[in-house]
């Protein structure tokens, strides 16, 4: 790599472009681009993205400014509490359980 290419590599930064289709939609990652600063990156994002499809808003963020959770810390994203009683999975068979209860009750009543 020549000295000039090495200098240019440090001159440009990688920017990530996110778009929002409507005011209520979530932002979605669209693409990455190389630019020397935020202003040029925004201009490039507008040129490359906004002419293709309608958009409510865009974010242009320098990749090095995005902070992600390290792989070894992702285990901490699991639920810390045991509140499975709040989940609806226990109610899926209510009809069949009620039917069995009713059949048992009716069979007991008929034998009396």
PDB file of N, CA and C in Angstrom:
ATOM      1  N   UNK A   1       0.856  -1.175   0.000  1.00  0.00           N
ATOM      2  CA  UNK A   1       0.000   0.000   0.000  1.00  0.00           C
ATOM      3  C   UNK A   1       0.898   1.233   0.000  1.00  0.00           C
ATOM      4  N   UNK A   2       0.624   2.143  -0.876  1.00  0.00           N
ATOM      5  CA  UNK A   2       1.447   3.350  -0.952  1.00  0.00           C
ATOM      6  C   UNK A   2       1.136   4.280   0.218  1.00  0.00           C
ATOM      7  N   UNK A   3       2.002   5.224   0.435  1.00  0.00           N
ATOM      8  CA  UNK A   3       1.837   6.161   1.542  1.00  0.00           C
ATOM      9  C   UNK A   3       0.568   7.005   1.363  1.00  0.00           C
ATOM     10  N   UNK A   4       0.272   7.397   0.117  1.00  0.00           N
ATOM     11  CA  UNK A   4      -0.919   8.200  -0.169  1.00  0.00           C
ATOM     12  C   UNK A   4      -2.203   7.411   0.127  1.00  0.00           C
ATOM     13  N   UNK A   5      -2.232   6.117  -0.241  1.00  0.00           N
ATOM     14  CA  UNK A   5      -3.397   5.287   0.046  1.00  0.00           C
ATOM     15  C   UNK A   5      -3.572   5.120   1.550  1.00  0.00           C
ATOM     16  N   UNK A   6      -2.496   4.971   2.271  1.00  0.00           N
ATOM     17  CA  UNK A   6      -2.555   4.818   3.723  1.00  0.00           C
ATOM     18  C   UNK A   6      -3.129   6.078   4.379  1.00  0.00           C
ATOM     19  N   UNK A   7      -2.721   7.261   3.879  1.00  0.00           N
ATOM     20  CA  UNK A   7      -3.244   8.512   4.413  1.00  0.00           C
ATOM     21  C   UNK A   7      -4.735   8.648   4.137  1.00  0.00           C
ATOM     22  N   UNK A   8      -5.182   8.265   2.926  1.00  0.00           N
ATOM     23  CA  UNK A   8      -6.600   8.353   2.577  1.00  0.00           C
ATOM     24  C   UNK A   8      -7.445   7.402   3.420  1.00  0.00           C
ATOM     25  N   UNK A   9      -6.886   6.259   3.755  1.00  0.00           N
ATOM     26  CA  UNK A   9      -7.635   5.300   4.560  1.00  0.00           C
ATOM     27  C   UNK A   9      -7.946   5.905   5.936  1.00  0.00           C
ATOM     28  N   UNK A  10      -7.038   6.656   6.520  1.00  0.00           N
ATOM     29  CA  UNK A  10      -7.276   7.312   7.790  1.00  0.00           C
ATOM     30  C   UNK A  10      -8.174   8.526   7.657  1.00  0.00           C
ATOM     31  N   UNK A  11      -8.277   9.085   6.455  1.00  0.00           N
ATOM     32  CA  UNK A  11      -9.081  10.265   6.188  1.00  0.00           C
ATOM     33  C   UNK A  11     -10.568   9.929   6.182  1.00  0.00           C
ATOM     34  N   UNK A  12     -10.907   8.739   5.692  1.00  0.00           N
ATOM     35  CA  UNK A  12     -12.308   8.331   5.588  1.00  0.00           C
ATOM     36  C   UNK A  12     -12.725   7.504   6.801  1.00  0.00           C
ATOM     37  N   UNK A  13     -13.987   7.608   7.141  1.00  0.00           N
ATOM     38  CA  UNK A  13     -14.562   6.804   8.228  1.00  0.00           C
ATOM     39  C   UNK A  13     -15.759   6.039   7.666  1.00  0.00           C
ATOM     40  N   UNK A  14     -16.082   4.938   8.298  1.00  0.00           N
ATOM     41  CA  UNK A  14     -17.252   4.155   7.902  1.00  0.00           C
ATOM     42  C   UNK A  14     -18.462   4.688   8.667  1.00  0.00           C
ATOM     43  N   UNK A  15     -19.521   4.981   7.928  1.00  0.00           N
ATOM     44  CA  UNK A  15     -20.774   5.457   8.514  1.00  0.00           C
ATOM     45  C   UNK A  15     -21.872   4.439   8.221  1.00  0.00           C
ATOM     46  N   UNK A  16     -22.769   4.246   9.173  1.00  0.00           N
ATOM     47  CA  UNK A  16     -23.909   3.357   9.016  1.00  0.00           C
ATOM     48  C   UNK A  16     -25.152   4.221   8.808  1.00  0.00           C
ATOM     49  N   UNK A  17     -25.988   3.826   7.860  1.00  0.00           N
ATOM     50  CA  UNK A  17     -27.180   4.590   7.523  1.00  0.00           C
ATOM     51  C   UNK A  17     -28.422   3.794   7.932  1.00  0.00           C
ATOM     52  N   UNK A  18     -29.286   4.441   8.710  1.00  0.00           N
ATOM     53  CA  UNK A  18     -30.544   3.849   9.171  1.00  0.00           C
ATOM     54  C   UNK A  18     -31.684   4.711   8.652  1.00  0.00           C
ATOM     55  N   UNK A  19     -32.804   4.085   8.298  1.00  0.00           N
ATOM     56  CA  UNK A  19     -33.946   4.859   7.814  1.00  0.00           C
ATOM     57  C   UNK A  19     -35.213   4.489   8.569  1.00  0.00           C
ATOM     58  N   UNK A  20     -36.158   5.429   8.544  1.00  0.00           N
ATOM     59  CA  UNK A  20     -37.460   5.243   9.166  1.00  0.00           C
ATOM     60  C   UNK A  20     -38.505   5.552   8.097  1.00  0.00           C
ATOM     61  N   UNK A  21     -39.346   4.573   7.770  1.00  0.00           N
ATOM     62  CA  UNK A  21     -40.320   4.738   6.682  1.00  0.00           C
ATOM     63  C   UNK A  21     -41.466   5.671   7.051  1.00  0.00           C
ATOM     64  N   UNK A  22     -41.908   5.636   8.311  1.00  0.00           N
ATOM     65  CA  UNK A  22     -43.013   6.474   8.759  1.00  0.00           C
ATOM     66  C   UNK A  22     -42.719   6.931  10.189  1.00  0.00           C
ATOM     67  N   UNK A  23     -43.464   7.888  10.700  1.00  0.00           N
ATOM     68  CA  UNK A  23     -43.200   8.366  12.061  1.00  0.00           C
ATOM     69  C   UNK A  23     -43.332   7.288  13.139  1.00  0.00           C
ATOM     70  N   UNK A  24     -44.134   6.270  12.879  1.00  0.00           N
ATOM     71  CA  UNK A  24     -44.329   5.215  13.877  1.00  0.00           C
ATOM     72  C   UNK A  24     -43.467   3.989  13.635  1.00  0.00           C
ATOM     73  N   UNK A  25     -42.756   3.940  12.522  1.00  0.00           N
ATOM     74  CA  UNK A  25     -41.928   2.777  12.186  1.00  0.00           C
ATOM     75  C   UNK A  25     -40.599   2.814  12.933  1.00  0.00           C
ATOM     76  N   UNK A  26     -40.008   1.652  13.084  1.00  0.00           N
ATOM     77  CA  UNK A  26     -38.679   1.556  13.696  1.00  0.00           C
ATOM     78  C   UNK A  26     -37.616   1.920  12.664  1.00  0.00           C
ATOM     79  N   UNK A  27     -36.458   2.311  13.149  1.00  0.00           N
ATOM     80  CA  UNK A  27     -35.336   2.566  12.247  1.00  0.00           C
ATOM     81  C   UNK A  27     -34.742   1.232  11.817  1.00  0.00           C
ATOM     82  N   UNK A  28     -34.365   1.141  10.548  1.00  0.00           N
ATOM     83  CA  UNK A  28     -33.813  -0.079   9.972  1.00  0.00           C
ATOM     84  C   UNK A  28     -32.479   0.259   9.320  1.00  0.00           C
ATOM     85  N   UNK A  29     -31.482  -0.609   9.541  1.00  0.00           N
ATOM     86  CA  UNK A  29     -30.169  -0.389   8.916  1.00  0.00           C
ATOM     87  C   UNK A  29     -30.295  -0.595   7.417  1.00  0.00           C
ATOM     88  N   UNK A  30     -29.734   0.325   6.634  1.00  0.00           N
ATOM     89  CA  UNK A  30     -29.821   0.245   5.179  1.00  0.00           C
ATOM     90  C   UNK A  30     -28.492  -0.129   4.530  1.00  0.00           C
ATOM     91  N   UNK A  31     -27.426   0.585   4.848  1.00  0.00           N
ATOM     92  CA  UNK A  31     -26.137   0.313   4.228  1.00  0.00           C
ATOM     93  C   UNK A  31     -25.035   1.057   4.970  1.00  0.00           C
ATOM     94  N   UNK A  32     -23.802   0.772   4.602  1.00  0.00           N
ATOM     95  CA  UNK A  32     -22.628   1.459   5.138  1.00  0.00           C
ATOM     96  C   UNK A  32     -22.009   2.281   4.014  1.00  0.00           C
ATOM     97  N   UNK A  33     -21.326   3.348   4.389  1.00  0.00           N
ATOM     98  CA  UNK A  33     -20.624   4.150   3.383  1.00  0.00           C
ATOM     99  C   UNK A  33     -19.354   4.735   3.972  1.00  0.00           C
ATOM    100  N   UNK A  34     -18.438   5.134   3.097  1.00  0.00           N
ATOM    101  CA  UNK A  34     -17.185   5.780   3.496  1.00  0.00           C
ATOM    102  C   UNK A  34     -17.293   7.266   3.206  1.00  0.00           C
ATOM    103  N   UNK A  35     -16.953   8.090   4.197  1.00  0.00           N
ATOM    104  CA  UNK A  35     -16.985   9.542   4.020  1.00  0.00           C
ATOM    105  C   UNK A  35     -15.979  10.177   4.971  1.00  0.00           C
ATOM    106  N   UNK A  36     -15.518  11.385   4.652  1.00  0.00           N
ATOM    107  CA  UNK A  36     -14.542  12.042   5.509  1.00  0.00           C
ATOM    108  C   UNK A  36     -15.150  12.680   6.761  1.00  0.00           C
ATOM    109  N   UNK A  37     -16.477  13.011   6.722  1.00  0.00           N
ATOM    110  CA  UNK A  37     -17.101  13.629   7.902  1.00  0.00           C
ATOM    111  C   UNK A  37     -18.616  13.389   7.868  1.00  0.00           C
ATOM    112  N   UNK A  38     -19.287  13.819   8.947  1.00  0.00           N
ATOM    113  CA  UNK A  38     -20.725  13.593   9.062  1.00  0.00           C
ATOM    114  C   UNK A  38     -21.534  14.307   7.971  1.00  0.00           C
ATOM    115  N   UNK A  39     -21.149  15.516   7.633  1.00  0.00           N
ATOM    116  CA  UNK A  39     -21.908  16.290   6.650  1.00  0.00           C
ATOM    117  C   UNK A  39     -21.897  15.616   5.283  1.00  0.00           C
ATOM    118  N   UNK A  40     -20.733  15.182   4.862  1.00  0.00           N
ATOM    119  CA  UNK A  40     -20.638  14.513   3.560  1.00  0.00           C
ATOM    120  C   UNK A  40     -21.329  13.157   3.610  1.00  0.00           C
ATOM    121  N   UNK A  41     -21.221  12.473   4.735  1.00  0.00           N
ATOM    122  CA  UNK A  41     -21.905  11.183   4.883  1.00  0.00           C
ATOM    123  C   UNK A  41     -23.415  11.367   4.766  1.00  0.00           C
ATOM    124  N   UNK A  42     -23.968  12.399   5.392  1.00  0.00           N
ATOM    125  CA  UNK A  42     -25.407  12.666   5.294  1.00  0.00           C
ATOM    126  C   UNK A  42     -25.795  12.983   3.864  1.00  0.00           C
ATOM    127  N   UNK A  43     -24.987  13.786   3.203  1.00  0.00           N
ATOM    128  CA  UNK A  43     -25.260  14.124   1.803  1.00  0.00           C
ATOM    129  C   UNK A  43     -25.237  12.879   0.923  1.00  0.00           C
ATOM    130  N   UNK A  44     -24.265  12.020   1.117  1.00  0.00           N
ATOM    131  CA  UNK A  44     -24.170  10.776   0.347  1.00  0.00           C
ATOM    132  C   UNK A  44     -25.357   9.854   0.646  1.00  0.00           C
ATOM    133  N   UNK A  45     -25.762   9.795   1.898  1.00  0.00           N
ATOM    134  CA  UNK A  45     -26.906   8.949   2.276  1.00  0.00           C
ATOM    135  C   UNK A  45     -28.173   9.458   1.594  1.00  0.00           C
ATOM    136  N   UNK A  46     -28.357  10.765   1.592  1.00  0.00           N
ATOM    137  CA  UNK A  46     -29.530  11.336   0.908  1.00  0.00           C
ATOM    138  C   UNK A  46     -29.512  10.993  -0.576  1.00  0.00           C
ATOM    139  N   UNK A  47     -28.375  11.192  -1.206  1.00  0.00           N
ATOM    140  CA  UNK A  47     -28.263  10.921  -2.639  1.00  0.00           C
ATOM    141  C   UNK A  47     -28.529   9.461  -2.965  1.00  0.00           C
ATOM    142  N   UNK A  48     -27.953   8.560  -2.164  1.00  0.00           N
ATOM    143  CA  UNK A  48     -28.052   7.133  -2.469  1.00  0.00           C
ATOM    144  C   UNK A  48     -29.352   6.486  -2.015  1.00  0.00           C
ATOM    145  N   UNK A  49     -29.977   7.018  -0.996  1.00  0.00           N
ATOM    146  CA  UNK A  49     -31.131   6.330  -0.440  1.00  0.00           C
ATOM    147  C   UNK A  49     -32.450   7.029  -0.719  1.00  0.00           C
ATOM    148  N   UNK A  50     -32.509   8.322  -0.482  1.00  0.00           N
ATOM    149  CA  UNK A  50     -33.789   9.021  -0.552  1.00  0.00           C
ATOM    150  C   UNK A  50     -34.374   9.079  -1.957  1.00  0.00           C
ATOM    151  N   UNK A  51     -33.554   8.965  -2.961  1.00  0.00           N
ATOM    152  CA  UNK A  51     -34.117   8.994  -4.316  1.00  0.00           C
ATOM    153  C   UNK A  51     -34.714   7.649  -4.713  1.00  0.00           C
ATOM    154  N   UNK A  52     -34.437   6.595  -3.934  1.00  0.00           N
ATOM    155  CA  UNK A  52     -34.935   5.260  -4.262  1.00  0.00           C
ATOM    156  C   UNK A  52     -36.323   4.995  -3.707  1.00  0.00           C
ATOM    157  N   UNK A  53     -36.578   5.431  -2.489  1.00  0.00           N
ATOM    158  CA  UNK A  53     -37.861   5.148  -1.855  1.00  0.00           C
ATOM    159  C   UNK A  53     -38.198   6.235  -0.854  1.00  0.00           C
ATOM    160  N   UNK A  54     -39.494   6.410  -0.571  1.00  0.00           N
ATOM    161  CA  UNK A  54     -39.880   7.450   0.383  1.00  0.00           C
ATOM    162  C   UNK A  54     -39.381   7.123   1.789  1.00  0.00           C
ATOM    163  N   UNK A  55     -39.108   8.169   2.526  1.00  0.00           N
ATOM    164  CA  UNK A  55     -38.522   7.980   3.850  1.00  0.00           C
ATOM    165  C   UNK A  55     -38.947   9.134   4.748  1.00  0.00           C
ATOM    166  N   UNK A  56     -39.216   8.844   6.014  1.00  0.00           N
ATOM    167  CA  UNK A  56     -39.601   9.883   6.969  1.00  0.00           C
ATOM    168  C   UNK A  56     -38.370  10.518   7.623  1.00  0.00           C
ATOM    169  N   UNK A  57     -37.358   9.694   7.922  1.00  0.00           N
ATOM    170  CA  UNK A  57     -36.179  10.196   8.623  1.00  0.00           C
ATOM    171  C   UNK A  57     -35.003   9.258   8.352  1.00  0.00           C
ATOM    172  N   UNK A  58     -33.795   9.781   8.427  1.00  0.00           N
ATOM    173  CA  UNK A  58     -32.604   8.924   8.347  1.00  0.00           C
ATOM    174  C   UNK A  58     -31.630   9.314   9.452  1.00  0.00           C
ATOM    175  N   UNK A  59     -30.868   8.318   9.863  1.00  0.00           N
ATOM    176  CA  UNK A  59     -29.767   8.530  10.802  1.00  0.00           C
ATOM    177  C   UNK A  59     -28.493   8.123  10.091  1.00  0.00           C
ATOM    178  N   UNK A  60     -27.450   8.919  10.239  1.00  0.00           N
ATOM    179  CA  UNK A  60     -26.126   8.584   9.723  1.00  0.00           C
ATOM    180  C   UNK A  60     -25.189   8.633  10.922  1.00  0.00           C
ATOM    181  N   UNK A  61     -24.618   7.477  11.244  1.00  0.00           N
ATOM    182  CA  UNK A  61     -23.832   7.338  12.473  1.00  0.00           C
ATOM    183  C   UNK A  61     -22.469   6.760  12.136  1.00  0.00           C
ATOM    184  N   UNK A  62     -21.436   7.365  12.702  1.00  0.00           N
ATOM    185  CA  UNK A  62     -20.091   6.842  12.516  1.00  0.00           C
ATOM    186  C   UNK A  62     -20.008   5.474  13.198  1.00  0.00           C
ATOM    187  N   UNK A  63     -19.537   4.476  12.478  1.00  0.00           N
ATOM    188  CA  UNK A  63     -19.513   3.105  12.993  1.00  0.00           C
ATOM    189  C   UNK A  63     -18.772   3.015  14.322  1.00  0.00           C
ATOM    190  N   UNK A  64     -17.692   3.748  14.470  1.00  0.00           N
ATOM    191  CA  UNK A  64     -16.908   3.661  15.708  1.00  0.00           C
ATOM    192  C   UNK A  64     -17.655   4.254  16.908  1.00  0.00           C
ATOM    193  N   UNK A  65     -18.718   5.022  16.655  1.00  0.00           N
ATOM    194  CA  UNK A  65     -19.521   5.579  17.748  1.00  0.00           C
ATOM    195  C   UNK A  65     -20.640   4.648  18.210  1.00  0.00           C
ATOM    196  N   UNK A  66     -20.849   3.555  17.487  1.00  0.00           N
ATOM    197  CA  UNK A  66     -21.884   2.586  17.875  1.00  0.00           C
ATOM    198  C   UNK A  66     -21.269   1.629  18.887  1.00  0.00           C
ATOM    199  N   UNK A  67     -21.915   1.513  20.020  1.00  0.00           N
ATOM    200  CA  UNK A  67     -21.411   0.642  21.082  1.00  0.00           C
ATOM    201  C   UNK A  67     -22.330  -0.561  21.183  1.00  0.00           C
ATOM    202  N   UNK A  68     -21.751  -1.735  21.068  1.00  0.00           N
ATOM    203  CA  UNK A  68     -22.517  -2.967  21.181  1.00  0.00           C
ATOM    204  C   UNK A  68     -22.120  -3.734  22.425  1.00  0.00           C
ATOM    205  N   UNK A  69     -22.987  -4.618  22.825  1.00  0.00           N
ATOM    206  CA  UNK A  69     -22.725  -5.436  23.994  1.00  0.00           C
ATOM    207  C   UNK A  69     -21.763  -6.557  23.606  1.00  0.00           C
ATOM    208  N   UNK A  70     -20.655  -6.715  24.334  1.00  0.00           N
ATOM    209  CA  UNK A  70     -19.716  -7.791  24.011  1.00  0.00           C
ATOM    210  C   UNK A  70     -20.389  -9.162  24.145  1.00  0.00           C
ATOM    211  N   UNK A  71     -19.903 -10.107  23.373  1.00  0.00           N
ATOM    212  CA  UNK A  71     -20.495 -11.448  23.339  1.00  0.00           C
ATOM    213  C   UNK A  71     -20.574 -12.077  24.731  1.00  0.00           C
ATOM    214  N   UNK A  72     -19.533 -11.915  25.524  1.00  0.00           N
ATOM    215  CA  UNK A  72     -19.514 -12.550  26.847  1.00  0.00           C
ATOM    216  C   UNK A  72     -20.517 -11.924  27.813  1.00  0.00           C
ATOM    217  N   UNK A  73     -21.028 -10.738  27.522  1.00  0.00           N
ATOM    218  CA  UNK A  73     -22.004 -10.092  28.401  1.00  0.00           C
ATOM    219  C   UNK A  73     -23.448 -10.293  27.945  1.00  0.00           C
ATOM    220  N   UNK A  74     -23.663 -10.966  26.820  1.00  0.00           N
ATOM    221  CA  UNK A  74     -25.013 -11.151  26.307  1.00  0.00           C
ATOM    222  C   UNK A  74     -25.865 -12.046  27.205  1.00  0.00           C
ATOM    223  N   UNK A  75     -25.221 -12.851  28.024  1.00  0.00           N
ATOM    224  CA  UNK A  75     -25.974 -13.691  28.950  1.00  0.00           C
ATOM    225  C   UNK A  75     -26.784 -12.847  29.929  1.00  0.00           C
ATOM    226  N   UNK A  76     -26.363 -11.616  30.177  1.00  0.00           N
ATOM    227  CA  UNK A  76     -27.063 -10.748  31.109  1.00  0.00           C
ATOM    228  C   UNK A  76     -28.360 -10.180  30.529  1.00  0.00           C
ATOM    229  N   UNK A  77     -28.609 -10.418  29.240  1.00  0.00           N
ATOM    230  CA  UNK A  77     -29.850  -9.964  28.635  1.00  0.00           C
ATOM    231  C   UNK A  77     -31.004 -10.915  28.943  1.00  0.00           C
ATOM    232  N   UNK A  78     -30.703 -12.095  29.451  1.00  0.00           N
ATOM    233  CA  UNK A  78     -31.752 -13.043  29.794  1.00  0.00           C
ATOM    234  C   UNK A  78     -32.568 -12.486  30.951  1.00  0.00           C
ATOM    235  N   UNK A  79     -33.766 -12.991  31.082  1.00  0.00           N
ATOM    236  CA  UNK A  79     -34.646 -12.505  32.149  1.00  0.00           C
ATOM    237  C   UNK A  79     -34.022 -12.776  33.505  1.00  0.00           C
ATOM    238  N   UNK A  80     -34.061 -11.775  34.354  1.00  0.00           N
ATOM    239  CA  UNK A  80     -33.482 -11.907  35.682  1.00  0.00           C
ATOM    240  C   UNK A  80     -34.472 -12.461  36.695  1.00  0.00           C
ATOM    241  N   UNK A  81     -35.730 -12.369  36.384  1.00  0.00           N
ATOM    242  CA  UNK A  81     -36.744 -12.834  37.324  1.00  0.00           C
ATOM    243  C   UNK A  81     -37.479 -14.047  36.758  1.00  0.00           C
ATOM    244  N   UNK A  82     -38.098 -14.779  37.626  1.00  0.00           N
ATOM    245  CA  UNK A  82     -38.880 -15.925  37.203  1.00  0.00           C
ATOM    246  C   UNK A  82     -40.348 -15.542  37.308  1.00  0.00           C
ATOM    247  N   UNK A  83     -40.830 -14.881  36.296  1.00  0.00           N
ATOM    248  CA  UNK A  83     -42.223 -14.454  36.295  1.00  0.00           C
ATOM    249  C   UNK A  83     -42.963 -15.135  35.147  1.00  0.00           C
ATOM    250  N   UNK A  84     -42.745 -16.425  35.014  1.00  0.00           N
ATOM    251  CA  UNK A  84     -43.402 -17.150  33.940  1.00  0.00           C
ATOM    252  C   UNK A  84     -44.915 -17.151  34.115  1.00  0.00           C
ATOM    253  N   UNK A  85     -45.399 -16.891  35.335  1.00  0.00           N
ATOM    254  CA  UNK A  85     -46.834 -16.829  35.557  1.00  0.00           C
ATOM    255  C   UNK A  85     -47.472 -15.678  34.782  1.00  0.00           C
ATOM    256  N   UNK A  86     -46.674 -14.731  34.319  1.00  0.00           N
ATOM    257  CA  UNK A  86     -47.209 -13.620  33.530  1.00  0.00           C
ATOM    258  C   UNK A  86     -47.371 -13.991  32.063  1.00  0.00           C
ATOM    259  N   UNK A  87     -46.793 -15.088  31.655  1.00  0.00           N
ATOM    260  CA  UNK A  87     -46.894 -15.516  30.269  1.00  0.00           C
ATOM    261  C   UNK A  87     -48.179 -16.302  30.076  1.00  0.00           C
ATOM    262  N   UNK A  88     -48.724 -16.259  28.880  1.00  0.00           N
ATOM    263  CA  UNK A  88     -50.013 -16.881  28.628  1.00  0.00           C
ATOM    264  C   UNK A  88     -49.924 -18.351  28.261  1.00  0.00           C
ATOM    265  N   UNK A  89     -48.750 -18.931  28.282  1.00  0.00           N
ATOM    266  CA  UNK A  89     -48.611 -20.322  27.840  1.00  0.00           C
ATOM    267  C   UNK A  89     -49.398 -21.294  28.716  1.00  0.00           C
ATOM    268  N   UNK A  90     -49.672 -20.958  29.954  1.00  0.00           N
ATOM    269  CA  UNK A  90     -50.421 -21.841  30.839  1.00  0.00           C
ATOM    270  C   UNK A  90     -51.911 -21.870  30.560  1.00  0.00           C
ATOM    271  N   UNK A  91     -52.403 -21.005  29.672  1.00  0.00           N
ATOM    272  CA  UNK A  91     -53.828 -20.919  29.406  1.00  0.00           C
ATOM    273  C   UNK A  91     -54.224 -21.566  28.085  1.00  0.00           C
ATOM    274  N   UNK A  92     -53.315 -22.136  27.389  1.00  0.00           N
ATOM    275  CA  UNK A  92     -53.605 -22.702  26.075  1.00  0.00           C
ATOM    276  C   UNK A  92     -54.516 -23.907  26.111  1.00  0.00           C
ATOM    277  N   UNK A  93     -54.491 -24.682  27.186  1.00  0.00           N
ATOM    278  CA  UNK A  93     -55.303 -25.897  27.254  1.00  0.00           C
ATOM    279  C   UNK A  93     -56.449 -25.788  28.252  1.00  0.00           C
ATOM    280  N   UNK A  94     -56.925 -24.581  28.526  1.00  0.00           N
ATOM    281  CA  UNK A  94     -57.991 -24.376  29.511  1.00  0.00           C
ATOM    282  C   UNK A  94     -59.261 -25.115  29.089  1.00  0.00           C
ATOM    283  N   UNK A  95     -59.612 -25.067  27.822  1.00  0.00           N
ATOM    284  CA  UNK A  95     -60.829 -25.739  27.366  1.00  0.00           C
ATOM    285  C   UNK A  95     -60.755 -27.241  27.595  1.00  0.00           C
ATOM    286  N   UNK A  96     -59.639 -27.858  27.246  1.00  0.00           N
ATOM    287  CA  UNK A  96     -59.539 -29.318  27.430  1.00  0.00           C
ATOM    288  C   UNK A  96     -59.502 -29.672  28.906  1.00  0.00           C
ATOM    289  N   UNK A  97     -58.848 -28.858  29.724  1.00  0.00           N
ATOM    290  CA  UNK A  97     -58.854 -29.135  31.163  1.00  0.00           C
ATOM    291  C   UNK A  97     -60.265 -28.974  31.750  1.00  0.00           C
ATOM    292  N   UNK A  98     -60.979 -27.954  31.318  1.00  0.00           N
ATOM    293  CA  UNK A  98     -62.348 -27.749  31.801  1.00  0.00           C
ATOM    294  C   UNK A  98     -63.253 -28.906  31.356  1.00  0.00           C
ATOM    295  N   UNK A  99     -63.072 -29.371  30.121  1.00  0.00           N
ATOM    296  CA  UNK A  99     -63.855 -30.502  29.616  1.00  0.00           C
ATOM    297  C   UNK A  99     -63.603 -31.743  30.460  1.00  0.00           C
ATOM    298  N   UNK A 100     -62.339 -32.050  30.787  1.00  0.00           N
ATOM    299  CA  UNK A 100     -62.017 -33.217  31.627  1.00  0.00           C
ATOM    300  C   UNK A 100     -62.632 -33.076  33.015  1.00  0.00           C
ATOM    301  N   UNK A 101     -62.534 -31.877  33.583  1.00  0.00           N
ATOM    302  CA  UNK A 101     -63.116 -31.634  34.908  1.00  0.00           C
ATOM    303  C   UNK A 101     -64.631 -31.861  34.880  1.00  0.00           C
ATOM    304  N   UNK A 102     -65.278 -31.330  33.830  1.00  0.00           N
ATOM    305  CA  UNK A 102     -66.718 -31.486  33.715  1.00  0.00           C
ATOM    306  C   UNK A 102     -67.111 -32.948  33.545  1.00  0.00           C
ATOM    307  N   UNK A 103     -66.367 -33.702  32.733  1.00  0.00           N
ATOM    308  CA  UNK A 103     -66.648 -35.130  32.531  1.00  0.00           C
ATOM    309  C   UNK A 103     -66.478 -35.903  33.831  1.00  0.00           C
ATOM    310  N   UNK A 104     -65.416 -35.589  34.579  1.00  0.00           N
ATOM    311  CA  UNK A 104     -65.209 -36.261  35.870  1.00  0.00           C
ATOM    312  C   UNK A 104     -66.345 -35.926  36.829  1.00  0.00           C
ATOM    313  N   UNK A 105     -66.763 -34.687  36.854  1.00  0.00           N
ATOM    314  CA  UNK A 105     -67.840 -34.261  37.741  1.00  0.00           C
ATOM    315  C   UNK A 105     -69.146 -34.967  37.358  1.00  0.00           C
ATOM    316  N   UNK A 106     -69.445 -34.986  36.049  1.00  0.00           N
ATOM    317  CA  UNK A 106     -70.679 -35.621  35.594  1.00  0.00           C
ATOM    318  C   UNK A 106     -70.679 -37.116  35.858  1.00  0.00           C
ATOM    319  N   UNK A 107     -69.522 -37.758  35.702  1.00  0.00           N
ATOM    320  CA  UNK A 107     -69.462 -39.202  35.975  1.00  0.00           C
ATOM    321  C   UNK A 107     -69.642 -39.477  37.473  1.00  0.00           C
ATOM    322  N   UNK A 108     -69.119 -38.641  38.341  1.00  0.00           N
ATOM    323  CA  UNK A 108     -69.331 -38.796  39.779  1.00  0.00           C
ATOM    324  C   UNK A 108     -70.794 -38.576  40.164  1.00  0.00           C
ATOM    325  N   UNK A 109     -71.414 -37.599  39.515  1.00  0.00           N
ATOM    326  CA  UNK A 109     -72.810 -37.298  39.826  1.00  0.00           C
ATOM    327  C   UNK A 109     -73.733 -38.403  39.324  1.00  0.00           C
ATOM    328  N   UNK A 110     -73.394 -39.051  38.232  1.00  0.00           N
ATOM    329  CA  UNK A 110     -74.255 -40.098  37.688  1.00  0.00           C
ATOM    330  C   UNK A 110     -74.139 -41.394  38.487  1.00  0.00           C
ATOM    331  N   UNK A 111     -73.025 -41.612  39.180  1.00  0.00           N
ATOM    332  CA  UNK A 111     -72.861 -42.821  39.990  1.00  0.00           C
ATOM    333  C   UNK A 111     -73.511 -42.677  41.351  1.00  0.00           C
ATOM    334  N   UNK A 112     -73.898 -41.532  41.761  1.00  0.00           N
ATOM    335  CA  UNK A 112     -74.500 -41.316  43.076  1.00  0.00           C
ATOM    336  C   UNK A 112     -75.952 -41.659  43.066  1.00  0.00           C
TER     337      UNK A 112
END
